[in-house]
């Protein structure tokens, strides 16, 4: 009989770390882009800019929600990886 676990705990942990780094990148880049959009408004002063800024802010809000949810997920993934590691070390060989 084969083991009921078919997952590599190290890959789960690595993914959690990559996700965490990606969230940091989104946060820092998002802040820079937001500042650039504000500066852009100083020279782009027509209805097109207002439409662009509204779409940008909606997209920015979606990305912020993604970051918040991902930051909640990272520790869960790390815990999951740890449990997998513990279980595979405790499980009898097949």
N, C-alpha and C. Protein backbone atom coordinates (compact mmCIF):
# COMPACT_ATOMS: atom_id res chain seq x y z
N UNK A 1 0.85 -1.18 0.00
CA UNK A 1 0.00 0.00 0.00
C UNK A 1 0.89 1.24 0.00
N UNK A 2 0.52 2.22 -0.78
CA UNK A 2 1.34 3.43 -0.86
C UNK A 2 0.92 4.44 0.20
N UNK A 3 1.81 5.35 0.47
CA UNK A 3 1.56 6.40 1.45
C UNK A 3 0.41 7.29 0.99
N UNK A 4 -0.45 7.73 1.92
CA UNK A 4 -1.57 8.59 1.53
C UNK A 4 -1.14 10.02 1.21
N UNK A 5 0.11 10.33 1.43
CA UNK A 5 0.60 11.69 1.17
C UNK A 5 1.35 11.71 -0.15
N UNK A 6 0.89 12.58 -1.02
CA UNK A 6 1.52 12.72 -2.33
C UNK A 6 1.87 14.19 -2.54
N UNK A 7 2.68 14.71 -1.65
CA UNK A 7 3.07 16.11 -1.72
C UNK A 7 4.48 16.25 -1.16
N UNK A 8 5.22 17.14 -1.74
CA UNK A 8 6.59 17.40 -1.30
C UNK A 8 6.55 18.61 -0.36
N UNK A 9 6.81 18.36 0.90
CA UNK A 9 6.72 19.43 1.90
C UNK A 9 7.69 20.58 1.60
N UNK A 10 8.84 20.26 1.06
CA UNK A 10 9.81 21.30 0.73
C UNK A 10 9.28 22.23 -0.36
N UNK A 11 8.59 21.66 -1.33
CA UNK A 11 8.02 22.49 -2.40
C UNK A 11 6.89 23.37 -1.87
N UNK A 12 6.11 22.85 -0.95
CA UNK A 12 5.05 23.66 -0.34
C UNK A 12 5.68 24.83 0.41
N UNK A 13 6.73 24.54 1.18
CA UNK A 13 7.43 25.58 1.94
C UNK A 13 8.05 26.62 0.98
N UNK A 14 8.69 26.14 -0.09
CA UNK A 14 9.30 27.06 -1.06
C UNK A 14 8.24 27.95 -1.71
N UNK A 15 7.08 27.36 -2.02
CA UNK A 15 6.00 28.15 -2.60
C UNK A 15 5.55 29.23 -1.61
N UNK A 16 5.43 28.86 -0.34
CA UNK A 16 5.02 29.84 0.68
C UNK A 16 6.02 31.00 0.72
N UNK A 17 7.30 30.69 0.63
CA UNK A 17 8.32 31.74 0.64
C UNK A 17 8.23 32.61 -0.62
N UNK A 18 8.01 31.97 -1.76
CA UNK A 18 7.86 32.73 -3.01
C UNK A 18 6.64 33.64 -2.96
N UNK A 19 5.56 33.13 -2.42
CA UNK A 19 4.34 33.93 -2.30
C UNK A 19 4.56 35.13 -1.38
N UNK A 20 5.27 34.91 -0.29
CA UNK A 20 5.57 36.00 0.63
C UNK A 20 6.42 37.08 -0.05
N UNK A 21 7.44 36.66 -0.79
CA UNK A 21 8.28 37.62 -1.51
C UNK A 21 7.47 38.37 -2.56
N UNK A 22 6.60 37.66 -3.25
CA UNK A 22 5.77 38.28 -4.28
C UNK A 22 4.87 39.34 -3.65
N UNK A 23 4.32 39.04 -2.49
CA UNK A 23 3.48 40.02 -1.79
C UNK A 23 4.27 41.28 -1.45
N UNK A 24 5.49 41.10 -0.99
CA UNK A 24 6.35 42.24 -0.70
C UNK A 24 6.63 43.07 -1.95
N UNK A 25 6.87 42.37 -3.05
CA UNK A 25 7.10 43.05 -4.32
C UNK A 25 5.86 43.84 -4.73
N UNK A 26 4.68 43.23 -4.63
CA UNK A 26 3.44 43.92 -5.00
C UNK A 26 3.22 45.15 -4.12
N UNK A 27 3.51 45.01 -2.83
CA UNK A 27 3.32 46.15 -1.93
C UNK A 27 4.25 47.31 -2.29
N UNK A 28 5.53 47.02 -2.46
CA UNK A 28 6.48 48.11 -2.74
C UNK A 28 6.25 48.70 -4.13
N UNK A 29 6.01 47.86 -5.11
CA UNK A 29 5.76 48.36 -6.46
C UNK A 29 4.44 49.12 -6.51
N UNK A 30 3.45 48.63 -5.80
CA UNK A 30 2.15 49.30 -5.77
C UNK A 30 2.25 50.70 -5.20
N UNK A 31 3.05 50.85 -4.15
CA UNK A 31 3.24 52.17 -3.55
C UNK A 31 3.92 53.12 -4.54
N UNK A 32 4.92 52.61 -5.23
CA UNK A 32 5.63 53.44 -6.23
C UNK A 32 4.70 53.84 -7.36
N UNK A 33 3.94 52.87 -7.86
CA UNK A 33 3.02 53.18 -8.97
C UNK A 33 1.94 54.16 -8.55
N UNK A 34 1.44 54.00 -7.35
CA UNK A 34 0.41 54.92 -6.85
C UNK A 34 0.94 56.35 -6.81
N UNK A 35 2.17 56.50 -6.35
CA UNK A 35 2.79 57.83 -6.32
C UNK A 35 2.98 58.37 -7.74
N UNK A 36 3.37 57.49 -8.67
CA UNK A 36 3.54 57.93 -10.06
C UNK A 36 2.22 58.37 -10.67
N UNK A 37 1.15 57.65 -10.38
CA UNK A 37 -0.17 58.03 -10.90
C UNK A 37 -0.56 59.40 -10.37
N UNK A 38 -0.29 59.64 -9.10
CA UNK A 38 -0.60 60.97 -8.54
C UNK A 38 0.17 62.06 -9.26
N UNK A 39 1.46 61.82 -9.51
CA UNK A 39 2.27 62.81 -10.23
C UNK A 39 1.79 62.97 -11.67
N UNK A 40 1.36 61.88 -12.27
CA UNK A 40 0.86 61.93 -13.64
C UNK A 40 -0.35 62.84 -13.75
N UNK A 41 -1.15 62.87 -12.69
CA UNK A 41 -2.34 63.73 -12.68
C UNK A 41 -2.01 65.20 -12.75
N UNK A 42 -0.77 65.57 -12.42
CA UNK A 42 -0.37 66.98 -12.52
C UNK A 42 -0.26 67.45 -13.97
N UNK A 43 0.02 66.52 -14.87
CA UNK A 43 0.20 66.90 -16.28
C UNK A 43 -0.89 66.34 -17.19
N UNK A 44 -1.59 65.32 -16.75
CA UNK A 44 -2.65 64.72 -17.57
C UNK A 44 -3.97 65.16 -16.95
N UNK A 45 -4.53 66.20 -17.48
CA UNK A 45 -5.70 66.82 -16.86
C UNK A 45 -6.88 66.86 -17.83
N UNK A 46 -7.42 65.68 -18.11
CA UNK A 46 -8.63 65.61 -18.92
C UNK A 46 -9.46 64.42 -18.42
N UNK A 47 -10.66 64.23 -18.95
CA UNK A 47 -11.51 63.14 -18.47
C UNK A 47 -10.87 61.75 -18.61
N UNK A 48 -9.98 61.60 -19.57
CA UNK A 48 -9.30 60.32 -19.75
C UNK A 48 -8.49 59.94 -18.52
N UNK A 49 -7.87 60.93 -17.89
CA UNK A 49 -7.09 60.63 -16.69
C UNK A 49 -8.00 60.19 -15.56
N UNK A 50 -9.14 60.83 -15.42
CA UNK A 50 -10.07 60.45 -14.35
C UNK A 50 -10.51 58.99 -14.53
N UNK A 51 -10.80 58.61 -15.76
CA UNK A 51 -11.19 57.22 -16.04
C UNK A 51 -10.04 56.27 -15.72
N UNK A 52 -8.84 56.66 -16.16
CA UNK A 52 -7.68 55.83 -15.89
C UNK A 52 -7.45 55.68 -14.39
N UNK A 53 -7.52 56.80 -13.67
CA UNK A 53 -7.27 56.76 -12.22
C UNK A 53 -8.29 55.88 -11.52
N UNK A 54 -9.56 55.93 -11.92
CA UNK A 54 -10.58 55.08 -11.31
C UNK A 54 -10.28 53.61 -11.55
N UNK A 55 -9.93 53.26 -12.78
CA UNK A 55 -9.58 51.86 -13.08
C UNK A 55 -8.33 51.43 -12.31
N UNK A 56 -7.37 52.33 -12.24
CA UNK A 56 -6.14 52.02 -11.50
C UNK A 56 -6.46 51.75 -10.03
N UNK A 57 -7.27 52.59 -9.42
CA UNK A 57 -7.60 52.43 -8.00
C UNK A 57 -8.37 51.13 -7.76
N UNK A 58 -9.25 50.74 -8.67
CA UNK A 58 -9.97 49.47 -8.53
C UNK A 58 -9.01 48.29 -8.61
N UNK A 59 -8.10 48.36 -9.57
CA UNK A 59 -7.11 47.29 -9.71
C UNK A 59 -6.19 47.24 -8.49
N UNK A 60 -5.80 48.41 -8.02
CA UNK A 60 -4.95 48.49 -6.83
C UNK A 60 -5.65 47.87 -5.62
N UNK A 61 -6.94 48.13 -5.47
CA UNK A 61 -7.70 47.56 -4.35
C UNK A 61 -7.78 46.04 -4.46
N UNK A 62 -7.95 45.52 -5.68
CA UNK A 62 -7.98 44.07 -5.86
C UNK A 62 -6.64 43.45 -5.49
N UNK A 63 -5.56 44.09 -5.90
CA UNK A 63 -4.22 43.58 -5.57
C UNK A 63 -3.97 43.63 -4.07
N UNK A 64 -4.45 44.68 -3.42
CA UNK A 64 -4.29 44.78 -1.96
C UNK A 64 -5.05 43.65 -1.26
N UNK A 65 -6.25 43.33 -1.76
CA UNK A 65 -7.00 42.21 -1.17
C UNK A 65 -6.26 40.89 -1.39
N UNK A 66 -5.66 40.74 -2.58
CA UNK A 66 -4.87 39.55 -2.86
C UNK A 66 -3.71 39.43 -1.87
N UNK A 67 -3.02 40.53 -1.64
CA UNK A 67 -1.88 40.53 -0.72
C UNK A 67 -2.34 40.17 0.70
N UNK A 68 -3.43 40.76 1.15
CA UNK A 68 -3.93 40.48 2.50
C UNK A 68 -4.25 39.00 2.64
N UNK A 69 -4.98 38.45 1.67
CA UNK A 69 -5.35 37.03 1.74
C UNK A 69 -4.13 36.13 1.62
N UNK A 70 -3.19 36.50 0.77
CA UNK A 70 -1.98 35.71 0.60
C UNK A 70 -1.14 35.72 1.87
N UNK A 71 -1.05 36.87 2.52
CA UNK A 71 -0.30 36.96 3.78
C UNK A 71 -0.92 36.06 4.86
N UNK A 72 -2.23 35.89 4.81
CA UNK A 72 -2.90 34.97 5.75
C UNK A 72 -2.60 33.51 5.37
N UNK A 73 -2.40 33.26 4.09
CA UNK A 73 -2.20 31.91 3.60
C UNK A 73 -0.79 31.40 3.84
N UNK A 74 0.19 32.27 3.79
CA UNK A 74 1.59 31.86 3.92
C UNK A 74 1.84 31.05 5.19
N UNK A 75 1.44 31.52 6.38
CA UNK A 75 1.69 30.71 7.57
C UNK A 75 0.95 29.37 7.54
N UNK A 76 -0.21 29.34 6.92
CA UNK A 76 -0.95 28.08 6.81
C UNK A 76 -0.20 27.09 5.93
N UNK A 77 0.37 27.59 4.83
CA UNK A 77 1.16 26.73 3.97
C UNK A 77 2.40 26.22 4.69
N UNK A 78 3.05 27.10 5.45
CA UNK A 78 4.24 26.68 6.21
C UNK A 78 3.87 25.63 7.25
N UNK A 79 2.74 25.82 7.93
CA UNK A 79 2.28 24.82 8.90
C UNK A 79 1.97 23.50 8.21
N UNK A 80 1.34 23.59 7.05
CA UNK A 80 1.00 22.39 6.29
C UNK A 80 2.28 21.64 5.90
N UNK A 81 3.28 22.37 5.44
CA UNK A 81 4.56 21.75 5.07
C UNK A 81 5.19 21.08 6.27
N UNK A 82 5.13 21.72 7.42
CA UNK A 82 5.70 21.15 8.64
C UNK A 82 4.97 19.87 9.04
N UNK A 83 3.65 19.89 8.96
CA UNK A 83 2.86 18.70 9.29
C UNK A 83 3.17 17.55 8.34
N UNK A 84 3.33 17.87 7.08
CA UNK A 84 3.67 16.83 6.09
C UNK A 84 5.02 16.22 6.43
N UNK A 85 5.98 17.08 6.74
CA UNK A 85 7.31 16.59 7.11
C UNK A 85 7.24 15.69 8.34
N UNK A 86 6.52 16.15 9.37
CA UNK A 86 6.38 15.35 10.58
C UNK A 86 5.72 14.02 10.29
N UNK A 87 4.65 14.03 9.51
CA UNK A 87 3.92 12.81 9.22
C UNK A 87 4.78 11.83 8.44
N UNK A 88 5.51 12.32 7.44
CA UNK A 88 6.31 11.41 6.62
C UNK A 88 7.46 10.80 7.42
N UNK A 89 7.92 11.51 8.45
CA UNK A 89 8.98 10.94 9.29
C UNK A 89 8.42 9.95 10.31
N UNK A 90 7.15 10.07 10.64
CA UNK A 90 6.53 9.17 11.61
C UNK A 90 5.87 7.97 10.96
N UNK A 91 5.49 8.11 9.71
CA UNK A 91 4.78 7.02 9.03
C UNK A 91 5.72 5.84 8.81
N UNK A 92 5.20 4.64 9.02
CA UNK A 92 6.05 3.46 8.77
C UNK A 92 6.34 3.33 7.28
N UNK A 93 7.51 2.82 6.95
CA UNK A 93 7.85 2.65 5.53
C UNK A 93 6.87 1.70 4.86
N UNK A 94 6.59 1.94 3.62
CA UNK A 94 5.64 1.10 2.87
C UNK A 94 6.37 0.05 2.08
